[in-house]
Amino acid sequence: MTSPLDVSGGRLRLAVRLQPGAGRNETGGVELDAAGKAFLRVRVTEPPEGGKANRALIKLLAKTWHIPPSCLQVVTGAKDRRKVLEIDGGPQVAQTIQHWLGTGT
């Protein structure tokens, strides 16, 4: 399976599909879209109004990976369910996330 994490170009970018207004905050694992591109499915309880769901997404992933929320930012799809997050933190953070996704070597 391909990874939703792109580590090329010196940047970490993660493809996400966010479901706001869910019953609980959780990561749902890696899935493929119709074109075969991988994304991480994430559900948050916050509604999509005013960026609340995006902030909940960042808080959840930061807590999951034990990194500061300031290391994560939505770079595309701020008002869409499909998003790309940019993650600061270098090779150690990349390795942690790859291992967590099950795509690490």
PDB file of N, CA and C in Angstrom:
ATOM      1  N   MET A   1       0.849  -1.184   0.000  1.00  0.00           N
ATOM      2  CA  MET A   1       0.000   0.000   0.000  1.00  0.00           C
ATOM      3  C   MET A   1       0.890   1.241   0.000  1.00  0.00           C
ATOM      4  N   THR A   2       0.469   2.254  -0.687  1.00  0.00           N
ATOM      5  CA  THR A   2       1.208   3.507  -0.697  1.00  0.00           C
ATOM      6  C   THR A   2       0.950   4.257   0.605  1.00  0.00           C
ATOM      7  N   SER A   3       1.788   5.234   0.858  1.00  0.00           N
ATOM      8  CA  SER A   3       1.691   5.989   2.105  1.00  0.00           C
ATOM      9  C   SER A   3       1.066   7.359   1.852  1.00  0.00           C
ATOM     10  N   PRO A   4       0.273   7.866   2.802  1.00  0.00           N
ATOM     11  CA  PRO A   4      -0.250   9.222   2.685  1.00  0.00           C
ATOM     12  C   PRO A   4       0.797  10.276   3.039  1.00  0.00           C
ATOM     13  N   LEU A   5       1.958   9.818   3.512  1.00  0.00           N
ATOM     14  CA  LEU A   5       3.031  10.723   3.916  1.00  0.00           C
ATOM     15  C   LEU A   5       4.033  10.868   2.782  1.00  0.00           C
ATOM     16  N   ASP A   6       4.266  12.108   2.369  1.00  0.00           N
ATOM     17  CA  ASP A   6       5.255  12.410   1.331  1.00  0.00           C
ATOM     18  C   ASP A   6       6.441  13.086   2.014  1.00  0.00           C
ATOM     19  N   VAL A   7       7.608  12.464   1.907  1.00  0.00           N
ATOM     20  CA  VAL A   7       8.801  13.001   2.566  1.00  0.00           C
ATOM     21  C   VAL A   7       9.792  13.577   1.559  1.00  0.00           C
ATOM     22  N   SER A   8       9.359  13.803   0.338  1.00  0.00           N
ATOM     23  CA  SER A   8      10.262  14.325  -0.688  1.00  0.00           C
ATOM     24  C   SER A   8      10.385  15.847  -0.591  1.00  0.00           C
ATOM     25  N   GLY A   9      11.452  16.363  -1.149  1.00  0.00           N
ATOM     26  CA  GLY A   9      11.644  17.808  -1.196  1.00  0.00           C
ATOM     27  C   GLY A   9      11.963  18.455   0.139  1.00  0.00           C
ATOM     28  N   GLY A  10      12.385  17.676   1.125  1.00  0.00           N
ATOM     29  CA  GLY A  10      12.747  18.256   2.408  1.00  0.00           C
ATOM     30  C   GLY A  10      11.567  18.644   3.280  1.00  0.00           C
ATOM     31  N   ARG A  11      10.362  18.300   2.860  1.00  0.00           N
ATOM     32  CA  ARG A  11       9.162  18.618   3.639  1.00  0.00           C
ATOM     33  C   ARG A  11       8.358  17.359   3.889  1.00  0.00           C
ATOM     34  N   LEU A  12       7.674  17.328   4.997  1.00  0.00           N
ATOM     35  CA  LEU A  12       6.749  16.244   5.290  1.00  0.00           C
ATOM     36  C   LEU A  12       5.347  16.740   4.976  1.00  0.00           C
ATOM     37  N   ARG A  13       4.670  16.027   4.114  1.00  0.00           N
ATOM     38  CA  ARG A  13       3.279  16.369   3.793  1.00  0.00           C
ATOM     39  C   ARG A  13       2.423  15.136   3.950  1.00  0.00           C
ATOM     40  N   LEU A  14       1.288  15.304   4.610  1.00  0.00           N
ATOM     41  CA  LEU A  14       0.394  14.198   4.901  1.00  0.00           C
ATOM     42  C   LEU A  14      -0.974  14.469   4.299  1.00  0.00           C
ATOM     43  N   ALA A  15      -1.469  13.533   3.501  1.00  0.00           N
ATOM     44  CA  ALA A  15      -2.816  13.621   2.932  1.00  0.00           C
ATOM     45  C   ALA A  15      -3.812  13.072   3.956  1.00  0.00           C
ATOM     46  N   VAL A  16      -4.873  13.842   4.204  1.00  0.00           N
ATOM     47  CA  VAL A  16      -5.864  13.498   5.224  1.00  0.00           C
ATOM     48  C   VAL A  16      -7.261  13.672   4.647  1.00  0.00           C
ATOM     49  N   ARG A  17      -8.175  12.804   5.071  1.00  0.00           N
ATOM     50  CA  ARG A  17      -9.597  13.021   4.825  1.00  0.00           C
ATOM     51  C   ARG A  17     -10.239  13.147   6.198  1.00  0.00           C
ATOM     52  N   LEU A  18     -10.790  14.328   6.471  1.00  0.00           N
ATOM     53  CA  LEU A  18     -11.327  14.652   7.788  1.00  0.00           C
ATOM     54  C   LEU A  18     -12.848  14.560   7.796  1.00  0.00           C
ATOM     55  N   GLN A  19     -13.376  13.916   8.820  1.00  0.00           N
ATOM     56  CA  GLN A  19     -14.811  13.868   9.044  1.00  0.00           C
ATOM     57  C   GLN A  19     -15.129  14.668  10.299  1.00  0.00           C
ATOM     58  N   PRO A  20     -15.604  15.914  10.141  1.00  0.00           N
ATOM     59  CA  PRO A  20     -15.984  16.709  11.317  1.00  0.00           C
ATOM     60  C   PRO A  20     -17.348  16.267  11.854  1.00  0.00           C
ATOM     61  N   GLY A  21     -17.622  16.618  13.101  1.00  0.00           N
ATOM     62  CA  GLY A  21     -18.920  16.316  13.702  1.00  0.00           C
ATOM     63  C   GLY A  21     -19.126  14.835  13.983  1.00  0.00           C
ATOM     64  N   ALA A  22     -18.073  14.075  14.135  1.00  0.00           N
ATOM     65  CA  ALA A  22     -18.171  12.643  14.406  1.00  0.00           C
ATOM     66  C   ALA A  22     -18.511  12.399  15.874  1.00  0.00           C
ATOM     67  N   GLY A  23     -18.784  11.171  16.201  1.00  0.00           N
ATOM     68  CA  GLY A  23     -19.122  10.812  17.571  1.00  0.00           C
ATOM     69  C   GLY A  23     -17.944  10.847  18.522  1.00  0.00           C
ATOM     70  N   ARG A  24     -16.721  10.711  17.970  1.00  0.00           N
ATOM     71  CA  ARG A  24     -15.518  10.756  18.812  1.00  0.00           C
ATOM     72  C   ARG A  24     -14.315  11.130  17.960  1.00  0.00           C
ATOM     73  N   ASN A  25     -13.256  11.549  18.632  1.00  0.00           N
ATOM     74  CA  ASN A  25     -11.998  11.876  17.958  1.00  0.00           C
ATOM     75  C   ASN A  25     -11.213  10.587  17.779  1.00  0.00           C
ATOM     76  N   GLU A  26     -10.833  10.273  16.531  1.00  0.00           N
ATOM     77  CA  GLU A  26     -10.053   9.073  16.285  1.00  0.00           C
ATOM     78  C   GLU A  26      -9.428   9.091  14.896  1.00  0.00           C
ATOM     79  N   THR A  27      -8.318   8.376  14.792  1.00  0.00           N
ATOM     80  CA  THR A  27      -7.728   8.142  13.481  1.00  0.00           C
ATOM     81  C   THR A  27      -8.277   6.813  12.993  1.00  0.00           C
ATOM     82  N   GLY A  28      -8.645   6.779  11.720  1.00  0.00           N
ATOM     83  CA  GLY A  28      -9.279   5.582  11.183  1.00  0.00           C
ATOM     84  C   GLY A  28      -8.381   4.729  10.322  1.00  0.00           C
ATOM     85  N   GLY A  29      -7.128   5.104  10.187  1.00  0.00           N
ATOM     86  CA  GLY A  29      -6.222   4.311   9.378  1.00  0.00           C
ATOM     87  C   GLY A  29      -6.030   4.873   7.982  1.00  0.00           C
ATOM     88  N   VAL A  30      -5.193   4.206   7.225  1.00  0.00           N
ATOM     89  CA  VAL A  30      -4.863   4.628   5.866  1.00  0.00           C
ATOM     90  C   VAL A  30      -5.831   3.951   4.891  1.00  0.00           C
ATOM     91  N   GLU A  31      -6.367   4.726   3.970  1.00  0.00           N
ATOM     92  CA  GLU A  31      -7.270   4.219   2.942  1.00  0.00           C
ATOM     93  C   GLU A  31      -6.825   4.760   1.589  1.00  0.00           C
ATOM     94  N   LEU A  32      -7.381   4.208   0.523  1.00  0.00           N
ATOM     95  CA  LEU A  32      -7.092   4.661  -0.833  1.00  0.00           C
ATOM     96  C   LEU A  32      -8.339   5.268  -1.437  1.00  0.00           C
ATOM     97  N   ASP A  33      -8.161   6.357  -2.204  1.00  0.00           N
ATOM     98  CA  ASP A  33      -9.294   6.927  -2.922  1.00  0.00           C
ATOM     99  C   ASP A  33      -9.457   6.188  -4.257  1.00  0.00           C
ATOM    100  N   ALA A  34     -10.410   6.617  -5.062  1.00  0.00           N
ATOM    101  CA  ALA A  34     -10.692   5.955  -6.333  1.00  0.00           C
ATOM    102  C   ALA A  34      -9.506   5.994  -7.289  1.00  0.00           C
ATOM    103  N   ALA A  35      -8.653   7.001  -7.165  1.00  0.00           N
ATOM    104  CA  ALA A  35      -7.475   7.126  -8.026  1.00  0.00           C
ATOM    105  C   ALA A  35      -6.278   6.343  -7.480  1.00  0.00           C
ATOM    106  N   GLY A  36      -6.445   5.704  -6.335  1.00  0.00           N
ATOM    107  CA  GLY A  36      -5.365   4.928  -5.750  1.00  0.00           C
ATOM    108  C   GLY A  36      -4.414   5.716  -4.872  1.00  0.00           C
ATOM    109  N   LYS A  37      -4.772   6.969  -4.552  1.00  0.00           N
ATOM    110  CA  LYS A  37      -3.930   7.786  -3.673  1.00  0.00           C
ATOM    111  C   LYS A  37      -4.301   7.520  -2.217  1.00  0.00           C
ATOM    112  N   ALA A  38      -3.276   7.370  -1.392  1.00  0.00           N
ATOM    113  CA  ALA A  38      -3.483   7.073   0.021  1.00  0.00           C
ATOM    114  C   ALA A  38      -3.781   8.345   0.810  1.00  0.00           C
ATOM    115  N   PHE A  39      -4.609   8.188   1.836  1.00  0.00           N
ATOM    116  CA  PHE A  39      -4.894   9.281   2.760  1.00  0.00           C
ATOM    117  C   PHE A  39      -5.158   8.682   4.133  1.00  0.00           C
ATOM    118  N   LEU A  40      -4.945   9.494   5.159  1.00  0.00           N
ATOM    119  CA  LEU A  40      -5.246   9.094   6.526  1.00  0.00           C
ATOM    120  C   LEU A  40      -6.650   9.578   6.861  1.00  0.00           C
ATOM    121  N   ARG A  41      -7.504   8.660   7.253  1.00  0.00           N
ATOM    122  CA  ARG A  41      -8.874   9.032   7.642  1.00  0.00           C
ATOM    123  C   ARG A  41      -8.860   9.421   9.117  1.00  0.00           C
ATOM    124  N   VAL A  42      -9.426  10.599   9.398  1.00  0.00           N
ATOM    125  CA  VAL A  42      -9.478  11.106  10.772  1.00  0.00           C
ATOM    126  C   VAL A  42     -10.882  11.630  11.045  1.00  0.00           C
ATOM    127  N   ARG A  43     -11.393  11.326  12.226  1.00  0.00           N
ATOM    128  CA  ARG A  43     -12.704  11.823  12.649  1.00  0.00           C
ATOM    129  C   ARG A  43     -12.513  12.695  13.894  1.00  0.00           C
ATOM    130  N   VAL A  44     -13.212  13.840  13.916  1.00  0.00           N
ATOM    131  CA  VAL A  44     -13.185  14.719  15.086  1.00  0.00           C
ATOM    132  C   VAL A  44     -14.604  15.122  15.444  1.00  0.00           C
ATOM    133  N   THR A  45     -14.822  15.434  16.713  1.00  0.00           N
ATOM    134  CA  THR A  45     -16.158  15.795  17.180  1.00  0.00           C
ATOM    135  C   THR A  45     -16.527  17.237  16.856  1.00  0.00           C
ATOM    136  N   GLU A  46     -15.540  18.070  16.647  1.00  0.00           N
ATOM    137  CA  GLU A  46     -15.789  19.494  16.402  1.00  0.00           C
ATOM    138  C   GLU A  46     -16.485  19.705  15.052  1.00  0.00           C
ATOM    139  N   PRO A  47     -17.337  20.741  14.968  1.00  0.00           N
ATOM    140  CA  PRO A  47     -17.978  21.075  13.696  1.00  0.00           C
ATOM    141  C   PRO A  47     -16.992  21.799  12.770  1.00  0.00           C
ATOM    142  N   PRO A  48     -17.308  21.864  11.478  1.00  0.00           N
ATOM    143  CA  PRO A  48     -16.379  22.502  10.538  1.00  0.00           C
ATOM    144  C   PRO A  48     -16.390  24.031  10.578  1.00  0.00           C
ATOM    145  N   GLU A  49     -17.252  24.641  11.339  1.00  0.00           N
ATOM    146  CA  GLU A  49     -17.345  26.102  11.370  1.00  0.00           C
ATOM    147  C   GLU A  49     -16.134  26.755  12.010  1.00  0.00           C
ATOM    148  N   GLY A  50     -15.677  27.821  11.399  1.00  0.00           N
ATOM    149  CA  GLY A  50     -14.625  28.652  11.983  1.00  0.00           C
ATOM    150  C   GLY A  50     -13.287  27.957  12.185  1.00  0.00           C
ATOM    151  N   GLY A  51     -13.018  26.897  11.479  1.00  0.00           N
ATOM    152  CA  GLY A  51     -11.741  26.203  11.603  1.00  0.00           C
ATOM    153  C   GLY A  51     -11.624  25.303  12.824  1.00  0.00           C
ATOM    154  N   LYS A  52     -12.738  25.085  13.534  1.00  0.00           N
ATOM    155  CA  LYS A  52     -12.701  24.262  14.744  1.00  0.00           C
ATOM    156  C   LYS A  52     -12.259  22.835  14.441  1.00  0.00           C
ATOM    157  N   ALA A  53     -12.768  22.255  13.358  1.00  0.00           N
ATOM    158  CA  ALA A  53     -12.408  20.881  13.010  1.00  0.00           C
ATOM    159  C   ALA A  53     -10.925  20.781  12.643  1.00  0.00           C
ATOM    160  N   ASN A  54     -10.399  21.779  11.945  1.00  0.00           N
ATOM    161  CA  ASN A  54      -8.973  21.769  11.592  1.00  0.00           C
ATOM    162  C   ASN A  54      -8.104  21.835  12.844  1.00  0.00           C
ATOM    163  N   ARG A  55      -8.492  22.666  13.790  1.00  0.00           N
ATOM    164  CA  ARG A  55      -7.731  22.766  15.039  1.00  0.00           C
ATOM    165  C   ARG A  55      -7.797  21.448  15.820  1.00  0.00           C
ATOM    166  N   ALA A  56      -8.972  20.809  15.818  1.00  0.00           N
ATOM    167  CA  ALA A  56      -9.110  19.520  16.495  1.00  0.00           C
ATOM    168  C   ALA A  56      -8.262  18.446  15.812  1.00  0.00           C
ATOM    169  N   LEU A  57      -8.194  18.491  14.493  1.00  0.00           N
ATOM    170  CA  LEU A  57      -7.353  17.565  13.722  1.00  0.00           C
ATOM    171  C   LEU A  57      -5.891  17.714  14.133  1.00  0.00           C
ATOM    172  N   ILE A  58      -5.414  18.937  14.153  1.00  0.00           N
ATOM    173  CA  ILE A  58      -4.020  19.199  14.512  1.00  0.00           C
ATOM    174  C   ILE A  58      -3.741  18.765  15.948  1.00  0.00           C
ATOM    175  N   LYS A  59      -4.648  19.074  16.853  1.00  0.00           N
ATOM    176  CA  LYS A  59      -4.477  18.693  18.259  1.00  0.00           C
ATOM    177  C   LYS A  59      -4.422  17.171  18.411  1.00  0.00           C
ATOM    178  N   LEU A  60      -5.309  16.457  17.725  1.00  0.00           N
ATOM    179  CA  LEU A  60      -5.352  15.003  17.808  1.00  0.00           C
ATOM    180  C   LEU A  60      -4.073  14.366  17.269  1.00  0.00           C
ATOM    181  N   LEU A  61      -3.621  14.807  16.093  1.00  0.00           N
ATOM    182  CA  LEU A  61      -2.421  14.217  15.502  1.00  0.00           C
ATOM    183  C   LEU A  61      -1.169  14.568  16.309  1.00  0.00           C
ATOM    184  N   ALA A  62      -1.103  15.794  16.818  1.00  0.00           N
ATOM    185  CA  ALA A  62       0.043  16.190  17.640  1.00  0.00           C
ATOM    186  C   ALA A  62       0.119  15.325  18.901  1.00  0.00           C
ATOM    187  N   LYS A  63      -1.012  15.096  19.515  1.00  0.00           N
ATOM    188  CA  LYS A  63      -1.045  14.251  20.712  1.00  0.00           C
ATOM    189  C   LYS A  63      -0.673  12.810  20.361  1.00  0.00           C
ATOM    190  N   THR A  64      -1.180  12.311  19.256  1.00  0.00           N
ATOM    191  CA  THR A  64      -0.897  10.939  18.823  1.00  0.00           C
ATOM    192  C   THR A  64       0.586  10.717  18.586  1.00  0.00           C
ATOM    193  N   TRP A  65       1.239  11.686  17.950  1.00  0.00           N
ATOM    194  CA  TRP A  65       2.651  11.537  17.578  1.00  0.00           C
ATOM    195  C   TRP A  65       3.609  12.185  18.586  1.00  0.00           C
ATOM    196  N   HIS A  66       3.082  12.742  19.664  1.00  0.00           N
ATOM    197  CA  HIS A  66       3.904  13.368  20.716  1.00  0.00           C
ATOM    198  C   HIS A  66       4.798  14.476  20.156  1.00  0.00           C
ATOM    199  N   ILE A  67       4.174  15.353  19.371  1.00  0.00           N
ATOM    200  CA  ILE A  67       4.876  16.523  18.839  1.00  0.00           C
ATOM    201  C   ILE A  67       4.048  17.760  19.158  1.00  0.00           C
ATOM    202  N   PRO A  68       4.660  18.939  19.194  1.00  0.00           N
ATOM    203  CA  PRO A  68       3.896  20.156  19.467  1.00  0.00           C
ATOM    204  C   PRO A  68       2.907  20.455  18.335  1.00  0.00           C
ATOM    205  N   PRO A  69       1.706  20.928  18.665  1.00  0.00           N
ATOM    206  CA  PRO A  69       0.743  21.292  17.626  1.00  0.00           C
ATOM    207  C   PRO A  69       1.289  22.332  16.640  1.00  0.00           C
ATOM    208  N   SER A  70       2.225  23.153  17.090  1.00  0.00           N
ATOM    209  CA  SER A  70       2.801  24.170  16.207  1.00  0.00           C
ATOM    210  C   SER A  70       3.615  23.561  15.070  1.00  0.00           C
ATOM    211  N   CYS A  71       3.918  22.276  15.147  1.00  0.00           N
ATOM    212  CA  CYS A  71       4.652  21.586  14.077  1.00  0.00           C
ATOM    213  C   CYS A  71       3.748  21.180  12.921  1.00  0.00           C
ATOM    214  N   LEU A  72       2.434  21.310  13.095  1.00  0.00           N
ATOM    215  CA  LEU A  72       1.470  20.890  12.078  1.00  0.00           C
ATOM    216  C   LEU A  72       0.696  22.089  11.555  1.00  0.00           C
ATOM    217  N   GLN A  73       0.495  22.120  10.251  1.00  0.00           N
ATOM    218  CA  GLN A  73      -0.379  23.155   9.693  1.00  0.00           C
ATOM    219  C   GLN A  73      -1.054  22.640   8.431  1.00  0.00           C
ATOM    220  N   VAL A  74      -2.297  23.078   8.230  1.00  0.00           N
ATOM    221  CA  VAL A  74      -3.041  22.724   7.030  1.00  0.00           C
ATOM    222  C   VAL A  74      -2.554  23.639   5.913  1.00  0.00           C
ATOM    223  N   VAL A  75      -2.021  23.039   4.831  1.00  0.00           N
ATOM    224  CA  VAL A  75      -1.502  23.855   3.733  1.00  0.00           C
ATOM    225  C   VAL A  75      -2.433  23.859   2.517  1.00  0.00           C
ATOM    226  N   THR A  76      -3.258  22.834   2.372  1.00  0.00           N
ATOM    227  CA  THR A  76      -4.289  22.851   1.335  1.00  0.00           C
ATOM    228  C   THR A  76      -5.552  22.202   1.893  1.00  0.00           C
ATOM    229  N   GLY A  77      -6.697  22.676   1.433  1.00  0.00           N
ATOM    230  CA  GLY A  77      -7.965  22.093   1.816  1.00  0.00           C
ATOM    231  C   GLY A  77      -8.514  22.568   3.140  1.00  0.00           C
ATOM    232  N   ALA A  78      -8.209  23.791   3.549  1.00  0.00           N
ATOM    233  CA  ALA A  78      -8.665  24.287   4.849  1.00  0.00           C
ATOM    234  C   ALA A  78     -10.182  24.211   5.009  1.00  0.00           C
ATOM    235  N   LYS A  79     -10.923  24.363   3.917  1.00  0.00           N
ATOM    236  CA  LYS A  79     -12.390  24.315   3.989  1.00  0.00           C
ATOM    237  C   LYS A  79     -12.948  23.087   3.272  1.00  0.00           C
ATOM    238  N   ASP A  80     -12.130  22.079   3.115  1.00  0.00           N
ATOM    239  CA  ASP A  80     -12.499  20.868   2.409  1.00  0.00           C
ATOM    240  C   ASP A  80     -12.249  19.668   3.318  1.00  0.00           C
ATOM    241  N   ARG A  81     -12.885  18.546   3.048  1.00  0.00           N
ATOM    242  CA  ARG A  81     -12.610  17.335   3.825  1.00  0.00           C
ATOM    243  C   ARG A  81     -11.243  16.763   3.484  1.00  0.00           C
ATOM    244  N   ARG A  82     -10.828  16.902   2.229  1.00  0.00           N
ATOM    245  CA  ARG A  82      -9.508  16.437   1.805  1.00  0.00           C
ATOM    246  C   ARG A  82      -8.507  17.539   2.092  1.00  0.00           C
ATOM    247  N   LYS A  83      -7.464  17.215   2.839  1.00  0.00           N
ATOM    248  CA  LYS A  83      -6.495  18.214   3.268  1.00  0.00           C
ATOM    249  C   LYS A  83      -5.083  17.678   3.078  1.00  0.00           C
ATOM    250  N   VAL A  84      -4.147  18.595   3.032  1.00  0.00           N
ATOM    251  CA  VAL A  84      -2.736  18.240   3.106  1.00  0.00           C
ATOM    252  C   VAL A  84      -2.152  19.027   4.268  1.00  0.00           C
ATOM    253  N   LEU A  85      -1.511  18.303   5.177  1.00  0.00           N
ATOM    254  CA  LEU A  85      -0.847  18.923   6.312  1.00  0.00           C
ATOM    255  C   LEU A  85       0.647  18.943   6.060  1.00  0.00           C
ATOM    256  N   GLU A  86       1.291  20.035   6.456  1.00  0.00           N
ATOM    257  CA  GLU A  86       2.741  20.090   6.432  1.00  0.00           C
ATOM    258  C   GLU A  86       3.213  19.926   7.870  1.00  0.00           C
ATOM    259  N   ILE A  87       4.242  19.091   8.043  1.00  0.00           N
ATOM    260  CA  ILE A  87       4.720  18.742   9.374  1.00  0.00           C
ATOM    261  C   ILE A  87       6.183  19.122   9.483  1.00  0.00           C
ATOM    262  N   ASP A  88       6.513  19.937  10.467  1.00  0.00           N
ATOM    263  CA  ASP A  88       7.901  20.293  10.751  1.00  0.00           C
ATOM    264  C   ASP A  88       8.456  19.301  11.770  1.00  0.00           C
ATOM    265  N   GLY A  89       9.746  19.101  11.729  1.00  0.00           N
ATOM    266  CA  GLY A  89      10.334  18.247  12.748  1.00  0.00           C
ATOM    267  C   GLY A  89      11.485  17.396  12.276  1.00  0.00           C
ATOM    268  N   GLY A  90      11.737  17.372  10.998  1.00  0.00           N
ATOM    269  CA  GLY A  90      12.912  16.665  10.503  1.00  0.00           C
ATOM    270  C   GLY A  90      12.766  15.167  10.415  1.00  0.00           C
ATOM    271  N   PRO A  91      13.911  14.484  10.218  1.00  0.00           N
ATOM    272  CA  PRO A  91      13.915  13.044   9.978  1.00  0.00           C
ATOM    273  C   PRO A  91      13.364  12.207  11.136  1.00  0.00           C
ATOM    274  N   GLN A  92      13.586  12.653  12.362  1.00  0.00           N
ATOM    275  CA  GLN A  92      13.090  11.882  13.507  1.00  0.00           C
ATOM    276  C   GLN A  92      11.561  11.840  13.524  1.00  0.00           C
ATOM    277  N   VAL A  93      10.933  12.984  13.270  1.00  0.00           N
ATOM    278  CA  VAL A  93       9.471  13.035  13.226  1.00  0.00           C
ATOM    279  C   VAL A  93       8.964  12.217  12.048  1.00  0.00           C
ATOM    280  N   ALA A  94       9.621  12.313  10.896  1.00  0.00           N
ATOM    281  CA  ALA A  94       9.232  11.531   9.718  1.00  0.00           C
ATOM    282  C   ALA A  94       9.265  10.042  10.033  1.00  0.00           C
ATOM    283  N   GLN A  95      10.320   9.614  10.708  1.00  0.00           N
ATOM    284  CA  GLN A  95      10.461   8.202  11.057  1.00  0.00           C
ATOM    285  C   GLN A  95       9.367   7.766  12.032  1.00  0.00           C
ATOM    286  N   THR A  96       9.060   8.609  12.998  1.00  0.00           N
ATOM    287  CA  THR A  96       7.998   8.309  13.962  1.00  0.00           C
ATOM    288  C   THR A  96       6.657   8.143  13.265  1.00  0.00           C
ATOM    289  N   ILE A  97       6.340   9.062  12.364  1.00  0.00           N
ATOM    290  CA  ILE A  97       5.051   9.016  11.668  1.00  0.00           C
ATOM    291  C   ILE A  97       4.998   7.820  10.720  1.00  0.00           C
ATOM    292  N   GLN A  98       6.079   7.563  10.007  1.00  0.00           N
ATOM    293  CA  GLN A  98       6.110   6.406   9.104  1.00  0.00           C
ATOM    294  C   GLN A  98       5.901   5.110   9.882  1.00  0.00           C
ATOM    295  N   HIS A  99       6.543   5.007  11.023  1.00  0.00           N
ATOM    296  CA  HIS A  99       6.374   3.814  11.856  1.00  0.00           C
ATOM    297  C   HIS A  99       4.920   3.700  12.323  1.00  0.00           C
ATOM    298  N   TRP A 100       4.346   4.797  12.771  1.00  0.00           N
ATOM    299  CA  TRP A 100       2.961   4.807  13.242  1.00  0.00           C
ATOM    300  C   TRP A 100       1.999   4.420  12.114  1.00  0.00           C
ATOM    301  N   LEU A 101       2.275   4.898  10.896  1.00  0.00           N
ATOM    302  CA  LEU A 101       1.427   4.571   9.743  1.00  0.00           C
ATOM    303  C   LEU A 101       1.642   3.126   9.272  1.00  0.00           C
ATOM    304  N   GLY A 102       2.736   2.513   9.717  1.00  0.00           N
ATOM    305  CA  GLY A 102       3.045   1.164   9.267  1.00  0.00           C
ATOM    306  C   GLY A 102       3.741   1.126   7.932  1.00  0.00           C
ATOM    307  N   THR A 103       4.337   2.291   7.546  1.00  0.00           N
ATOM    308  CA  THR A 103       5.014   2.377   6.251  1.00  0.00           C
ATOM    309  C   THR A 103       6.505   2.563   6.402  1.00  0.00           C
ATOM    310  N   GLY A 104       6.997   2.556   7.639  1.00  0.00           N
ATOM    311  CA  GLY A 104       8.420   2.756   7.883  1.00  0.00           C
ATOM    312  C   GLY A 104       9.242   1.528   7.533  1.00  0.00           C
ATOM    313  N   THR A 105      10.528   1.760   7.396  1.00  0.00           N
ATOM    314  CA  THR A 105      11.414   0.641   7.060  1.00  0.00           C
ATOM    315  C   THR A 105      12.173   0.175   8.287  1.00  0.00           C
TER     316      THR A 105
END
